[in-house]
Amino acid sequence: MDDVDSSTRRWEDLDTDILVKIFQLLDLFELTSGIAHVCSAWRVACCDPLLWKTLDLSMLRSNFIKIPLEPFVYVDQRSDKKLTRLLKISLNLSKQSILTLIFHFNLYVSDDQLTYTAE
C-alpha cells in the first residue's frame, strides 16, 4: 500500500514550469476564477510573468445604451463590475508584468478603470 502512495504525485507537487504551461491553456476567466487559491504552488504559477505579458480583454463587451447627453453612454452596472473585477484580479496576479492590453471596441472602459490599470 505504501508503494502506491510513494509513486503517486500530487498536483501541487508539479514543477512550476509545468503548471505555467498548463495555465497558459486557460482563458482569462478560468485563470482569474480562483485557481490561484488552490494551493501556494498554484498561486506561484498563476503569478508567473509568462501568463501576463498580454491582458486580452477582447472577449468582453459592455452592455450599454447610447444617450444624447454627457456621458453619452450608459453602461450596465453588471458589465462595469465584471470588468472591474477582472482588472483587479488580473493586475494583482500579474505583479506589474502586463505589457499589452487588448480591448474589444464595444467595451466601455471608464477613466477610473483605465487609471487603475495604468498605475
PDB file of N, CA and C in Angstrom:
ATOM      1  N   MET A   1       0.822  -1.189   0.000  1.00  0.00           N
ATOM      2  CA  MET A   1       0.000   0.000   0.000  1.00  0.00           C
ATOM      3  C   MET A   1       0.869   1.256   0.000  1.00  0.00           C
ATOM      4  N   ASP A   2       1.956   1.263   0.769  1.00  0.00           N
ATOM      5  CA  ASP A   2       2.849   2.415   0.818  1.00  0.00           C
ATOM      6  C   ASP A   2       3.540   2.655  -0.520  1.00  0.00           C
ATOM      7  N   ASP A   3       3.806   1.568  -1.285  1.00  0.00           N
ATOM      8  CA  ASP A   3       4.457   1.716  -2.587  1.00  0.00           C
ATOM      9  C   ASP A   3       3.597   2.531  -3.539  1.00  0.00           C
ATOM     10  N   VAL A   4       2.299   2.317  -3.496  1.00  0.00           N
ATOM     11  CA  VAL A   4       1.382   3.059  -4.358  1.00  0.00           C
ATOM     12  C   VAL A   4       1.385   4.534  -3.969  1.00  0.00           C
ATOM     13  N   ASP A   5       1.338   4.824  -2.691  1.00  0.00           N
ATOM     14  CA  ASP A   5       1.315   6.201  -2.214  1.00  0.00           C
ATOM     15  C   ASP A   5       2.600   6.942  -2.544  1.00  0.00           C
ATOM     16  N   SER A   6       3.734   6.255  -2.463  1.00  0.00           N
ATOM     17  CA  SER A   6       5.005   6.930  -2.709  1.00  0.00           C
ATOM     18  C   SER A   6       5.223   7.230  -4.190  1.00  0.00           C
ATOM     19  N   SER A   7       4.587   6.482  -5.086  1.00  0.00           N
ATOM     20  CA  SER A   7       4.758   6.726  -6.519  1.00  0.00           C
ATOM     21  C   SER A   7       3.717   7.699  -7.078  1.00  0.00           C
ATOM     22  N   THR A   8       2.724   8.023  -6.301  1.00  0.00           N
ATOM     23  CA  THR A   8       1.688   8.946  -6.740  1.00  0.00           C
ATOM     24  C   THR A   8       2.109  10.377  -6.456  1.00  0.00           C
ATOM     25  N   ARG A   9       2.031  11.219  -7.505  1.00  0.00           N
ATOM     26  CA  ARG A   9       2.386  12.629  -7.319  1.00  0.00           C
ATOM     27  C   ARG A   9       1.112  13.442  -7.184  1.00  0.00           C
ATOM     28  N   ARG A  10       1.209  14.467  -6.411  1.00  0.00           N
ATOM     29  CA  ARG A  10       0.065  15.346  -6.213  1.00  0.00           C
ATOM     30  C   ARG A  10       0.202  16.545  -7.145  1.00  0.00           C
ATOM     31  N   TRP A  11      -0.937  17.154  -7.503  1.00  0.00           N
ATOM     32  CA  TRP A  11      -0.950  18.307  -8.401  1.00  0.00           C
ATOM     33  C   TRP A  11      -0.082  19.442  -7.878  1.00  0.00           C
ATOM     34  N   GLU A  12      -0.144  19.677  -6.594  1.00  0.00           N
ATOM     35  CA  GLU A  12       0.622  20.795  -6.036  1.00  0.00           C
ATOM     36  C   GLU A  12       2.129  20.536  -6.036  1.00  0.00           C
ATOM     37  N   ASP A  13       2.522  19.279  -6.280  1.00  0.00           N
ATOM     38  CA  ASP A  13       3.942  18.945  -6.335  1.00  0.00           C
ATOM     39  C   ASP A  13       4.533  19.074  -7.741  1.00  0.00           C
ATOM     40  N   LEU A  14       3.695  19.409  -8.716  1.00  0.00           N
ATOM     41  CA  LEU A  14       4.198  19.590 -10.076  1.00  0.00           C
ATOM     42  C   LEU A  14       5.163  20.763 -10.135  1.00  0.00           C
ATOM     43  N   ASP A  15       6.138  20.655 -10.995  1.00  0.00           N
ATOM     44  CA  ASP A  15       7.090  21.735 -11.210  1.00  0.00           C
ATOM     45  C   ASP A  15       6.339  22.993 -11.669  1.00  0.00           C
ATOM     46  N   THR A  16       6.776  24.148 -11.212  1.00  0.00           N
ATOM     47  CA  THR A  16       6.117  25.419 -11.545  1.00  0.00           C
ATOM     48  C   THR A  16       6.056  25.640 -13.048  1.00  0.00           C
ATOM     49  N   ASP A  17       7.113  25.286 -13.762  1.00  0.00           N
ATOM     50  CA  ASP A  17       7.125  25.466 -15.216  1.00  0.00           C
ATOM     51  C   ASP A  17       6.035  24.648 -15.901  1.00  0.00           C
ATOM     52  N   ILE A  18       5.786  23.455 -15.393  1.00  0.00           N
ATOM     53  CA  ILE A  18       4.732  22.607 -15.958  1.00  0.00           C
ATOM     54  C   ILE A  18       3.368  23.216 -15.661  1.00  0.00           C
ATOM     55  N   LEU A  19       3.175  23.682 -14.433  1.00  0.00           N
ATOM     56  CA  LEU A  19       1.910  24.338 -14.088  1.00  0.00           C
ATOM     57  C   LEU A  19       1.671  25.567 -14.962  1.00  0.00           C
ATOM     58  N   VAL A  20       2.700  26.355 -15.195  1.00  0.00           N
ATOM     59  CA  VAL A  20       2.566  27.549 -16.042  1.00  0.00           C
ATOM     60  C   VAL A  20       2.154  27.144 -17.453  1.00  0.00           C
ATOM     61  N   LYS A  21       2.777  26.089 -17.996  1.00  0.00           N
ATOM     62  CA  LYS A  21       2.407  25.594 -19.331  1.00  0.00           C
ATOM     63  C   LYS A  21       0.930  25.200 -19.371  1.00  0.00           C
ATOM     64  N   ILE A  22       0.469  24.528 -18.334  1.00  0.00           N
ATOM     65  CA  ILE A  22      -0.940  24.129 -18.257  1.00  0.00           C
ATOM     66  C   ILE A  22      -1.824  25.367 -18.162  1.00  0.00           C
ATOM     67  N   PHE A  23      -1.453  26.312 -17.313  1.00  0.00           N
ATOM     68  CA  PHE A  23      -2.257  27.517 -17.113  1.00  0.00           C
ATOM     69  C   PHE A  23      -2.285  28.405 -18.353  1.00  0.00           C
ATOM     70  N   GLN A  24      -1.286  28.295 -19.222  1.00  0.00           N
ATOM     71  CA  GLN A  24      -1.286  29.063 -20.464  1.00  0.00           C
ATOM     72  C   GLN A  24      -2.417  28.629 -21.390  1.00  0.00           C
ATOM     73  N   LEU A  25      -2.949  27.441 -21.173  1.00  0.00           N
ATOM     74  CA  LEU A  25      -4.056  26.940 -21.983  1.00  0.00           C
ATOM     75  C   LEU A  25      -5.410  27.475 -21.513  1.00  0.00           C
ATOM     76  N   LEU A  26      -5.435  28.111 -20.361  1.00  0.00           N
ATOM     77  CA  LEU A  26      -6.679  28.633 -19.802  1.00  0.00           C
ATOM     78  C   LEU A  26      -6.967  30.027 -20.338  1.00  0.00           C
ATOM     79  N   ASP A  27      -8.254  30.359 -20.415  1.00  0.00           N
ATOM     80  CA  ASP A  27      -8.589  31.732 -20.796  1.00  0.00           C
ATOM     81  C   ASP A  27      -8.591  32.619 -19.552  1.00  0.00           C
ATOM     82  N   LEU A  28      -8.790  33.895 -19.763  1.00  0.00           N
ATOM     83  CA  LEU A  28      -8.702  34.860 -18.664  1.00  0.00           C
ATOM     84  C   LEU A  28      -9.708  34.564 -17.554  1.00  0.00           C
ATOM     85  N   PHE A  29     -10.921  34.166 -17.928  1.00  0.00           N
ATOM     86  CA  PHE A  29     -11.943  33.877 -16.922  1.00  0.00           C
ATOM     87  C   PHE A  29     -11.537  32.689 -16.059  1.00  0.00           C
ATOM     88  N   GLU A  30     -10.993  31.664 -16.686  1.00  0.00           N
ATOM     89  CA  GLU A  30     -10.552  30.486 -15.935  1.00  0.00           C
ATOM     90  C   GLU A  30      -9.349  30.821 -15.051  1.00  0.00           C
ATOM     91  N   LEU A  31      -8.448  31.611 -15.589  1.00  0.00           N
ATOM     92  CA  LEU A  31      -7.232  31.970 -14.855  1.00  0.00           C
ATOM     93  C   LEU A  31      -7.533  32.830 -13.630  1.00  0.00           C
ATOM     94  N   THR A  32      -8.577  33.636 -13.707  1.00  0.00           N
ATOM     95  CA  THR A  32      -8.927  34.528 -12.599  1.00  0.00           C
ATOM     96  C   THR A  32     -10.066  33.987 -11.740  1.00  0.00           C
ATOM     97  N   SER A  33     -10.492  32.758 -12.001  1.00  0.00           N
ATOM     98  CA  SER A  33     -11.658  32.215 -11.294  1.00  0.00           C
ATOM     99  C   SER A  33     -11.356  31.666  -9.911  1.00  0.00           C
ATOM    100  N   GLY A  34     -10.108  31.633  -9.525  1.00  0.00           N
ATOM    101  CA  GLY A  34      -9.795  31.161  -8.183  1.00  0.00           C
ATOM    102  C   GLY A  34      -8.755  30.069  -8.135  1.00  0.00           C
ATOM    103  N   ILE A  35      -8.183  29.702  -9.279  1.00  0.00           N
ATOM    104  CA  ILE A  35      -7.180  28.634  -9.243  1.00  0.00           C
ATOM    105  C   ILE A  35      -5.939  29.050  -8.462  1.00  0.00           C
ATOM    106  N   ALA A  36      -5.723  30.340  -8.324  1.00  0.00           N
ATOM    107  CA  ALA A  36      -4.578  30.814  -7.534  1.00  0.00           C
ATOM    108  C   ALA A  36      -4.766  30.525  -6.049  1.00  0.00           C
ATOM    109  N   HIS A  37      -5.991  30.189  -5.653  1.00  0.00           N
ATOM    110  CA  HIS A  37      -6.284  29.925  -4.244  1.00  0.00           C
ATOM    111  C   HIS A  37      -6.282  28.433  -3.909  1.00  0.00           C
ATOM    112  N   VAL A  38      -5.980  27.586  -4.893  1.00  0.00           N
ATOM    113  CA  VAL A  38      -5.979  26.142  -4.658  1.00  0.00           C
ATOM    114  C   VAL A  38      -4.882  25.764  -3.664  1.00  0.00           C
ATOM    115  N   CYS A  39      -3.683  26.240  -3.912  1.00  0.00           N
ATOM    116  CA  CYS A  39      -2.559  25.982  -3.008  1.00  0.00           C
ATOM    117  C   CYS A  39      -1.456  26.979  -3.331  1.00  0.00           C
ATOM    118  N   SER A  40      -0.438  27.015  -2.502  1.00  0.00           N
ATOM    119  CA  SER A  40       0.624  28.012  -2.691  1.00  0.00           C
ATOM    120  C   SER A  40       1.403  27.784  -3.990  1.00  0.00           C
ATOM    121  N   ALA A  41       1.584  26.531  -4.394  1.00  0.00           N
ATOM    122  CA  ALA A  41       2.301  26.251  -5.644  1.00  0.00           C
ATOM    123  C   ALA A  41       1.526  26.781  -6.848  1.00  0.00           C
ATOM    124  N   TRP A  42       0.205  26.633  -6.808  1.00  0.00           N
ATOM    125  CA  TRP A  42      -0.619  27.139  -7.908  1.00  0.00           C
ATOM    126  C   TRP A  42      -0.632  28.661  -7.899  1.00  0.00           C
ATOM    127  N   ARG A  43      -0.573  29.254  -6.730  1.00  0.00           N
ATOM    128  CA  ARG A  43      -0.513  30.720  -6.628  1.00  0.00           C
ATOM    129  C   ARG A  43       0.769  31.247  -7.275  1.00  0.00           C
ATOM    130  N   VAL A  44       1.876  30.599  -6.979  1.00  0.00           N
ATOM    131  CA  VAL A  44       3.158  30.997  -7.572  1.00  0.00           C
ATOM    132  C   VAL A  44       3.084  30.878  -9.097  1.00  0.00           C
ATOM    133  N   ALA A  45       2.531  29.775  -9.583  1.00  0.00           N
ATOM    134  CA  ALA A  45       2.415  29.574 -11.034  1.00  0.00           C
ATOM    135  C   ALA A  45       1.480  30.607 -11.667  1.00  0.00           C
ATOM    136  N   CYS A  46       0.395  30.940 -10.983  1.00  0.00           N
ATOM    137  CA  CYS A  46      -0.560  31.935 -11.507  1.00  0.00           C
ATOM    138  C   CYS A  46       0.048  33.329 -11.602  1.00  0.00           C
ATOM    139  N   CYS A  47       1.058  33.593 -10.836  1.00  0.00           N
ATOM    140  CA  CYS A  47       1.704  34.914 -10.845  1.00  0.00           C
ATOM    141  C   CYS A  47       2.900  34.975 -11.793  1.00  0.00           C
ATOM    142  N   ASP A  48       3.145  33.910 -12.516  1.00  0.00           N
ATOM    143  CA  ASP A  48       4.290  33.886 -13.428  1.00  0.00           C
ATOM    144  C   ASP A  48       4.112  34.918 -14.545  1.00  0.00           C
ATOM    145  N   PRO A  49       5.124  35.724 -14.816  1.00  0.00           N
ATOM    146  CA  PRO A  49       5.030  36.773 -15.845  1.00  0.00           C
ATOM    147  C   PRO A  49       4.686  36.256 -17.243  1.00  0.00           C
ATOM    148  N   LEU A  50       5.014  35.001 -17.549  1.00  0.00           N
ATOM    149  CA  LEU A  50       4.673  34.444 -18.860  1.00  0.00           C
ATOM    150  C   LEU A  50       3.169  34.444 -19.114  1.00  0.00           C
ATOM    151  N   LEU A  51       2.393  34.308 -18.047  1.00  0.00           N
ATOM    152  CA  LEU A  51       0.936  34.292 -18.183  1.00  0.00           C
ATOM    153  C   LEU A  51       0.355  35.686 -18.379  1.00  0.00           C
ATOM    154  N   TRP A  52       1.135  36.703 -18.077  1.00  0.00           N
ATOM    155  CA  TRP A  52       0.582  38.057 -18.004  1.00  0.00           C
ATOM    156  C   TRP A  52       1.244  39.075 -18.924  1.00  0.00           C
ATOM    157  N   LYS A  53       1.970  38.630 -19.926  1.00  0.00           N
ATOM    158  CA  LYS A  53       2.560  39.590 -20.861  1.00  0.00           C
ATOM    159  C   LYS A  53       1.470  40.409 -21.551  1.00  0.00           C
ATOM    160  N   THR A  54       0.392  39.725 -21.919  1.00  0.00           N
ATOM    161  CA  THR A  54      -0.730  40.371 -22.595  1.00  0.00           C
ATOM    162  C   THR A  54      -2.003  40.105 -21.817  1.00  0.00           C
ATOM    163  N   LEU A  55      -2.740  41.159 -21.530  1.00  0.00           N
ATOM    164  CA  LEU A  55      -4.053  41.025 -20.906  1.00  0.00           C
ATOM    165  C   LEU A  55      -5.079  41.215 -22.016  1.00  0.00           C
ATOM    166  N   ASP A  56      -5.633  40.114 -22.483  1.00  0.00           N
ATOM    167  CA  ASP A  56      -6.554  40.130 -23.614  1.00  0.00           C
ATOM    168  C   ASP A  56      -7.995  40.163 -23.108  1.00  0.00           C
ATOM    169  N   LEU A  57      -8.596  41.330 -23.214  1.00  0.00           N
ATOM    170  CA  LEU A  57      -9.988  41.517 -22.803  1.00  0.00           C
ATOM    171  C   LEU A  57     -10.903  41.609 -24.022  1.00  0.00           C
ATOM    172  N   SER A  58     -10.454  41.094 -25.153  1.00  0.00           N
ATOM    173  CA  SER A  58     -11.218  41.223 -26.395  1.00  0.00           C
ATOM    174  C   SER A  58     -12.525  40.440 -26.377  1.00  0.00           C
ATOM    175  N   MET A  59     -12.656  39.490 -25.465  1.00  0.00           N
ATOM    176  CA  MET A  59     -13.899  38.723 -25.388  1.00  0.00           C
ATOM    177  C   MET A  59     -14.970  39.447 -24.556  1.00  0.00           C
ATOM    178  N   LEU A  60     -14.576  40.519 -23.892  1.00  0.00           N
ATOM    179  CA  LEU A  60     -15.524  41.282 -23.072  1.00  0.00           C
ATOM    180  C   LEU A  60     -16.169  42.394 -23.886  1.00  0.00           C
ATOM    181  N   ARG A  61     -17.475  42.519 -23.733  1.00  0.00           N
ATOM    182  CA  ARG A  61     -18.204  43.617 -24.343  1.00  0.00           C
ATOM    183  C   ARG A  61     -19.112  44.209 -23.278  1.00  0.00           C
ATOM    184  N   SER A  62     -19.295  45.490 -23.343  1.00  0.00           N
ATOM    185  CA  SER A  62     -20.174  46.158 -22.380  1.00  0.00           C
ATOM    186  C   SER A  62     -21.603  46.159 -22.896  1.00  0.00           C
ATOM    187  N   ASN A  63     -22.540  45.995 -21.979  1.00  0.00           N
ATOM    188  CA  ASN A  63     -23.941  46.243 -22.297  1.00  0.00           C
ATOM    189  C   ASN A  63     -24.165  47.718 -22.045  1.00  0.00           C
ATOM    190  N   PHE A  64     -24.401  48.464 -23.108  1.00  0.00           N
ATOM    191  CA  PHE A  64     -24.533  49.905 -22.946  1.00  0.00           C
ATOM    192  C   PHE A  64     -25.626  50.465 -23.844  1.00  0.00           C
ATOM    193  N   ILE A  65     -26.052  51.657 -23.494  1.00  0.00           N
ATOM    194  CA  ILE A  65     -27.051  52.398 -24.268  1.00  0.00           C
ATOM    195  C   ILE A  65     -26.460  53.763 -24.562  1.00  0.00           C
ATOM    196  N   LYS A  66     -26.494  54.155 -25.826  1.00  0.00           N
ATOM    197  CA  LYS A  66     -26.029  55.493 -26.184  1.00  0.00           C
ATOM    198  C   LYS A  66     -27.109  56.496 -25.805  1.00  0.00           C
ATOM    199  N   ILE A  67     -26.690  57.605 -25.213  1.00  0.00           N
ATOM    200  CA  ILE A  67     -27.620  58.665 -24.830  1.00  0.00           C
ATOM    201  C   ILE A  67     -27.106  59.995 -25.387  1.00  0.00           C
ATOM    202  N   PRO A  68     -28.015  60.955 -25.631  1.00  0.00           N
ATOM    203  CA  PRO A  68     -27.610  62.205 -26.280  1.00  0.00           C
ATOM    204  C   PRO A  68     -26.838  63.180 -25.385  1.00  0.00           C
ATOM    205  N   LEU A  69     -26.903  63.027 -24.090  1.00  0.00           N
ATOM    206  CA  LEU A  69     -26.232  63.942 -23.165  1.00  0.00           C
ATOM    207  C   LEU A  69     -25.026  63.268 -22.526  1.00  0.00           C
ATOM    208  N   GLU A  70     -24.149  64.106 -21.946  1.00  0.00           N
ATOM    209  CA  GLU A  70     -22.996  63.532 -21.248  1.00  0.00           C
ATOM    210  C   GLU A  70     -23.460  62.578 -20.168  1.00  0.00           C
ATOM    211  N   PRO A  71     -22.854  61.480 -19.997  1.00  0.00           N
ATOM    212  CA  PRO A  71     -21.585  60.994 -20.543  1.00  0.00           C
ATOM    213  C   PRO A  71     -21.730  60.305 -21.907  1.00  0.00           C
ATOM    214  N   PHE A  72     -22.874  60.433 -22.570  1.00  0.00           N
ATOM    215  CA  PHE A  72     -23.144  59.924 -23.917  1.00  0.00           C
ATOM    216  C   PHE A  72     -23.304  58.415 -23.996  1.00  0.00           C
ATOM    217  N   VAL A  73     -23.101  57.747 -22.896  1.00  0.00           N
ATOM    218  CA  VAL A  73     -23.307  56.311 -22.876  1.00  0.00           C
ATOM    219  C   VAL A  73     -23.663  55.889 -21.447  1.00  0.00           C
ATOM    220  N   TYR A  74     -24.620  54.975 -21.350  1.00  0.00           N
ATOM    221  CA  TYR A  74     -24.975  54.391 -20.057  1.00  0.00           C
ATOM    222  C   TYR A  74     -24.526  52.936 -20.101  1.00  0.00           C
ATOM    223  N   VAL A  75     -23.645  52.558 -19.194  1.00  0.00           N
ATOM    224  CA  VAL A  75     -23.119  51.191 -19.154  1.00  0.00           C
ATOM    225  C   VAL A  75     -23.838  50.423 -18.059  1.00  0.00           C
ATOM    226  N   ASP A  76     -24.314  49.253 -18.432  1.00  0.00           N
ATOM    227  CA  ASP A  76     -24.960  48.359 -17.482  1.00  0.00           C
ATOM    228  C   ASP A  76     -24.012  48.089 -16.312  1.00  0.00           C
ATOM    229  N   GLN A  77     -24.523  48.205 -15.106  1.00  0.00           N
ATOM    230  CA  GLN A  77     -23.695  48.074 -13.902  1.00  0.00           C
ATOM    231  C   GLN A  77     -23.008  46.709 -13.821  1.00  0.00           C
ATOM    232  N   ARG A  78     -23.697  45.679 -14.281  1.00  0.00           N
ATOM    233  CA  ARG A  78     -23.118  44.334 -14.230  1.00  0.00           C
ATOM    234  C   ARG A  78     -21.887  44.232 -15.142  1.00  0.00           C
ATOM    235  N   SER A  79     -21.958  44.844 -16.327  1.00  0.00           N
ATOM    236  CA  SER A  79     -20.806  44.856 -17.242  1.00  0.00           C
ATOM    237  C   SER A  79     -19.637  45.590 -16.616  1.00  0.00           C
ATOM    238  N   ASP A  80     -19.945  46.712 -15.993  1.00  0.00           N
ATOM    239  CA  ASP A  80     -18.919  47.540 -15.365  1.00  0.00           C
ATOM    240  C   ASP A  80     -18.237  46.794 -14.219  1.00  0.00           C
ATOM    241  N   LYS A  81     -19.021  46.129 -13.387  1.00  0.00           N
ATOM    242  CA  LYS A  81     -18.471  45.382 -12.251  1.00  0.00           C
ATOM    243  C   LYS A  81     -17.637  44.190 -12.713  1.00  0.00           C
ATOM    244  N   LYS A  82     -18.080  43.535 -13.783  1.00  0.00           N
ATOM    245  CA  LYS A  82     -17.346  42.392 -14.314  1.00  0.00           C
ATOM    246  C   LYS A  82     -15.958  42.821 -14.789  1.00  0.00           C
ATOM    247  N   LEU A  83     -15.888  43.946 -15.511  1.00  0.00           N
ATOM    248  CA  LEU A  83     -14.606  44.457 -15.979  1.00  0.00           C
ATOM    249  C   LEU A  83     -13.719  44.856 -14.803  1.00  0.00           C
ATOM    250  N   THR A  84     -14.280  45.563 -13.841  1.00  0.00           N
ATOM    251  CA  THR A  84     -13.509  45.994 -12.671  1.00  0.00           C
ATOM    252  C   THR A  84     -12.947  44.791 -11.922  1.00  0.00           C
ATOM    253  N   ARG A  85     -13.757  43.765 -11.737  1.00  0.00           N
ATOM    254  CA  ARG A  85     -13.325  42.544 -11.043  1.00  0.00           C
ATOM    255  C   ARG A  85     -12.173  41.877 -11.795  1.00  0.00           C
ATOM    256  N   LEU A  86     -12.332  41.719 -13.104  1.00  0.00           N
ATOM    257  CA  LEU A  86     -11.277  41.093 -13.904  1.00  0.00           C
ATOM    258  C   LEU A  86      -9.981  41.892 -13.868  1.00  0.00           C
ATOM    259  N   LEU A  87     -10.099  43.212 -13.943  1.00  0.00           N
ATOM    260  CA  LEU A  87      -8.910  44.062 -13.891  1.00  0.00           C
ATOM    261  C   LEU A  87      -8.197  43.928 -12.550  1.00  0.00           C
ATOM    262  N   LYS A  88      -8.951  43.972 -11.459  1.00  0.00           N
ATOM    263  CA  LYS A  88      -8.342  43.888 -10.129  1.00  0.00           C
ATOM    264  C   LYS A  88      -7.628  42.557  -9.915  1.00  0.00           C
ATOM    265  N   ILE A  89      -8.289  41.465 -10.268  1.00  0.00           N
ATOM    266  CA  ILE A  89      -7.681  40.146 -10.081  1.00  0.00           C
ATOM    267  C   ILE A  89      -6.470  39.986 -10.995  1.00  0.00           C
ATOM    268  N   SER A  90      -6.620  40.376 -12.252  1.00  0.00           N
ATOM    269  CA  SER A  90      -5.521  40.241 -13.217  1.00  0.00           C
ATOM    270  C   SER A  90      -4.317  41.073 -12.814  1.00  0.00           C
ATOM    271  N   LEU A  91      -4.559  42.298 -12.399  1.00  0.00           N
ATOM    272  CA  LEU A  91      -3.452  43.170 -12.005  1.00  0.00           C
ATOM    273  C   LEU A  91      -2.776  42.672 -10.731  1.00  0.00           C
ATOM    274  N   ASN A  92      -3.545  42.074  -9.851  1.00  0.00           N
ATOM    275  CA  ASN A  92      -2.980  41.506  -8.626  1.00  0.00           C
ATOM    276  C   ASN A  92      -2.096  40.293  -8.945  1.00  0.00           C
ATOM    277  N   LEU A  93      -2.585  39.417  -9.807  1.00  0.00           N
ATOM    278  CA  LEU A  93      -1.826  38.215 -10.154  1.00  0.00           C
ATOM    279  C   LEU A  93      -0.614  38.524 -11.028  1.00  0.00           C
ATOM    280  N   SER A  94      -0.732  39.535 -11.862  1.00  0.00           N
ATOM    281  CA  SER A  94       0.331  39.828 -12.837  1.00  0.00           C
ATOM    282  C   SER A  94       1.581  40.428 -12.213  1.00  0.00           C
ATOM    283  N   LYS A  95       1.454  41.007 -11.040  1.00  0.00           N
ATOM    284  CA  LYS A  95       2.610  41.625 -10.365  1.00  0.00           C
ATOM    285  C   LYS A  95       3.334  42.611 -11.290  1.00  0.00           C
ATOM    286  N   GLN A  96       2.561  43.440 -11.974  1.00  0.00           N
ATOM    287  CA  GLN A  96       3.061  44.503 -12.864  1.00  0.00           C
ATOM    288  C   GLN A  96       3.849  43.979 -14.060  1.00  0.00           C
ATOM    289  N   SER A  97       3.499  42.808 -14.571  1.00  0.00           N
ATOM    290  CA  SER A  97       4.223  42.271 -15.728  1.00  0.00           C
ATOM    291  C   SER A  97       3.439  42.391 -17.035  1.00  0.00           C
ATOM    292  N   ILE A  98       2.279  43.044 -17.013  1.00  0.00           N
ATOM    293  CA  ILE A  98       1.481  43.218 -18.227  1.00  0.00           C
ATOM    294  C   ILE A  98       2.140  44.269 -19.113  1.00  0.00           C
ATOM    295  N   LEU A  99       2.387  43.885 -20.361  1.00  0.00           N
ATOM    296  CA  LEU A  99       2.996  44.794 -21.323  1.00  0.00           C
ATOM    297  C   LEU A  99       1.987  45.288 -22.361  1.00  0.00           C
ATOM    298  N   THR A 100       0.951  44.483 -22.626  1.00  0.00           N
ATOM    299  CA  THR A 100      -0.023  44.798 -23.662  1.00  0.00           C
ATOM    300  C   THR A 100      -1.438  44.577 -23.143  1.00  0.00           C
ATOM    301  N   LEU A 101      -2.307  45.535 -23.431  1.00  0.00           N
ATOM    302  CA  LEU A 101      -3.734  45.412 -23.125  1.00  0.00           C
ATOM    303  C   LEU A 101      -4.499  45.351 -24.436  1.00  0.00           C
ATOM    304  N   ILE A 102      -5.430  44.420 -24.541  1.00  0.00           N
ATOM    305  CA  ILE A 102      -6.267  44.318 -25.731  1.00  0.00           C
ATOM    306  C   ILE A 102      -7.716  44.459 -25.290  1.00  0.00           C
ATOM    307  N   PHE A 103      -8.408  45.435 -25.881  1.00  0.00           N
ATOM    308  CA  PHE A 103      -9.812  45.687 -25.569  1.00  0.00           C
ATOM    309  C   PHE A 103     -10.663  45.465 -26.812  1.00  0.00           C
ATOM    310  N   HIS A 104     -11.882  44.987 -26.624  1.00  0.00           N
ATOM    311  CA  HIS A 104     -12.858  44.934 -27.705  1.00  0.00           C
ATOM    312  C   HIS A 104     -13.365  46.350 -27.928  1.00  0.00           C
ATOM    313  N   PHE A 105     -13.671  46.708 -29.170  1.00  0.00           N
ATOM    314  CA  PHE A 105     -14.105  48.084 -29.433  1.00  0.00           C
ATOM    315  C   PHE A 105     -15.469  48.395 -28.833  1.00  0.00           C
ATOM    316  N   ASN A 106     -16.234  47.379 -28.435  1.00  0.00           N
ATOM    317  CA  ASN A 106     -17.510  47.602 -27.751  1.00  0.00           C
ATOM    318  C   ASN A 106     -17.396  47.416 -26.236  1.00  0.00           C
ATOM    319  N   LEU A 107     -16.201  47.556 -25.730  1.00  0.00           N
ATOM    320  CA  LEU A 107     -16.000  47.501 -24.283  1.00  0.00           C
ATOM    321  C   LEU A 107     -15.783  48.918 -23.786  1.00  0.00           C
ATOM    322  N   TYR A 108     -16.681  49.378 -22.954  1.00  0.00           N
ATOM    323  CA  TYR A 108     -16.545  50.719 -22.388  1.00  0.00           C
ATOM    324  C   TYR A 108     -15.666  50.623 -21.148  1.00  0.00           C
ATOM    325  N   VAL A 109     -14.552  51.328 -21.194  1.00  0.00           N
ATOM    326  CA  VAL A 109     -13.622  51.366 -20.067  1.00  0.00           C
ATOM    327  C   VAL A 109     -13.667  52.772 -19.491  1.00  0.00           C
ATOM    328  N   SER A 110     -14.036  52.888 -18.228  1.00  0.00           N
ATOM    329  CA  SER A 110     -14.138  54.209 -17.598  1.00  0.00           C
ATOM    330  C   SER A 110     -12.747  54.793 -17.350  1.00  0.00           C
ATOM    331  N   ASP A 111     -12.710  56.084 -17.129  1.00  0.00           N
ATOM    332  CA  ASP A 111     -11.443  56.747 -16.802  1.00  0.00           C
ATOM    333  C   ASP A 111     -10.830  56.151 -15.533  1.00  0.00           C
ATOM    334  N   ASP A 112     -11.679  55.859 -14.547  1.00  0.00           N
ATOM    335  CA  ASP A 112     -11.190  55.273 -13.291  1.00  0.00           C
ATOM    336  C   ASP A 112     -10.554  53.900 -13.528  1.00  0.00           C
ATOM    337  N   GLN A 113     -11.200  53.082 -14.349  1.00  0.00           N
ATOM    338  CA  GLN A 113     -10.665  51.754 -14.636  1.00  0.00           C
ATOM    339  C   GLN A 113      -9.343  51.848 -15.399  1.00  0.00           C
ATOM    340  N   LEU A 114      -9.281  52.776 -16.328  1.00  0.00           N
ATOM    341  CA  LEU A 114      -8.054  52.954 -17.105  1.00  0.00           C
ATOM    342  C   LEU A 114      -6.914  53.475 -16.230  1.00  0.00           C
ATOM    343  N   THR A 115      -7.234  54.417 -15.356  1.00  0.00           N
ATOM    344  CA  THR A 115      -6.232  54.957 -14.437  1.00  0.00           C
ATOM    345  C   THR A 115      -5.735  53.871 -13.489  1.00  0.00           C
ATOM    346  N   TYR A 116      -6.653  53.084 -12.940  1.00  0.00           N
ATOM    347  CA  TYR A 116      -6.293  51.988 -12.039  1.00  0.00           C
ATOM    348  C   TYR A 116      -5.357  51.006 -12.742  1.00  0.00           C
ATOM    349  N   THR A 117      -5.662  50.700 -13.990  1.00  0.00           N
ATOM    350  CA  THR A 117      -4.848  49.764 -14.760  1.00  0.00           C
ATOM    351  C   THR A 117      -3.465  50.337 -15.041  1.00  0.00           C
ATOM    352  N   ALA A 118      -3.407  51.609 -15.349  1.00  0.00           N
ATOM    353  CA  ALA A 118      -2.136  52.254 -15.685  1.00  0.00           C
ATOM    354  C   ALA A 118      -1.216  52.380 -14.476  1.00  0.00           C
ATOM    355  N   GLU A 119      -1.777  52.558 -13.309  1.00  0.00           N
ATOM    356  CA  GLU A 119      -0.965  52.730 -12.099  1.00  0.00           C
ATOM    357  C   GLU A 119      -0.368  51.411 -11.699  1.00  0.00           C
TER     358      GLU A 119
END
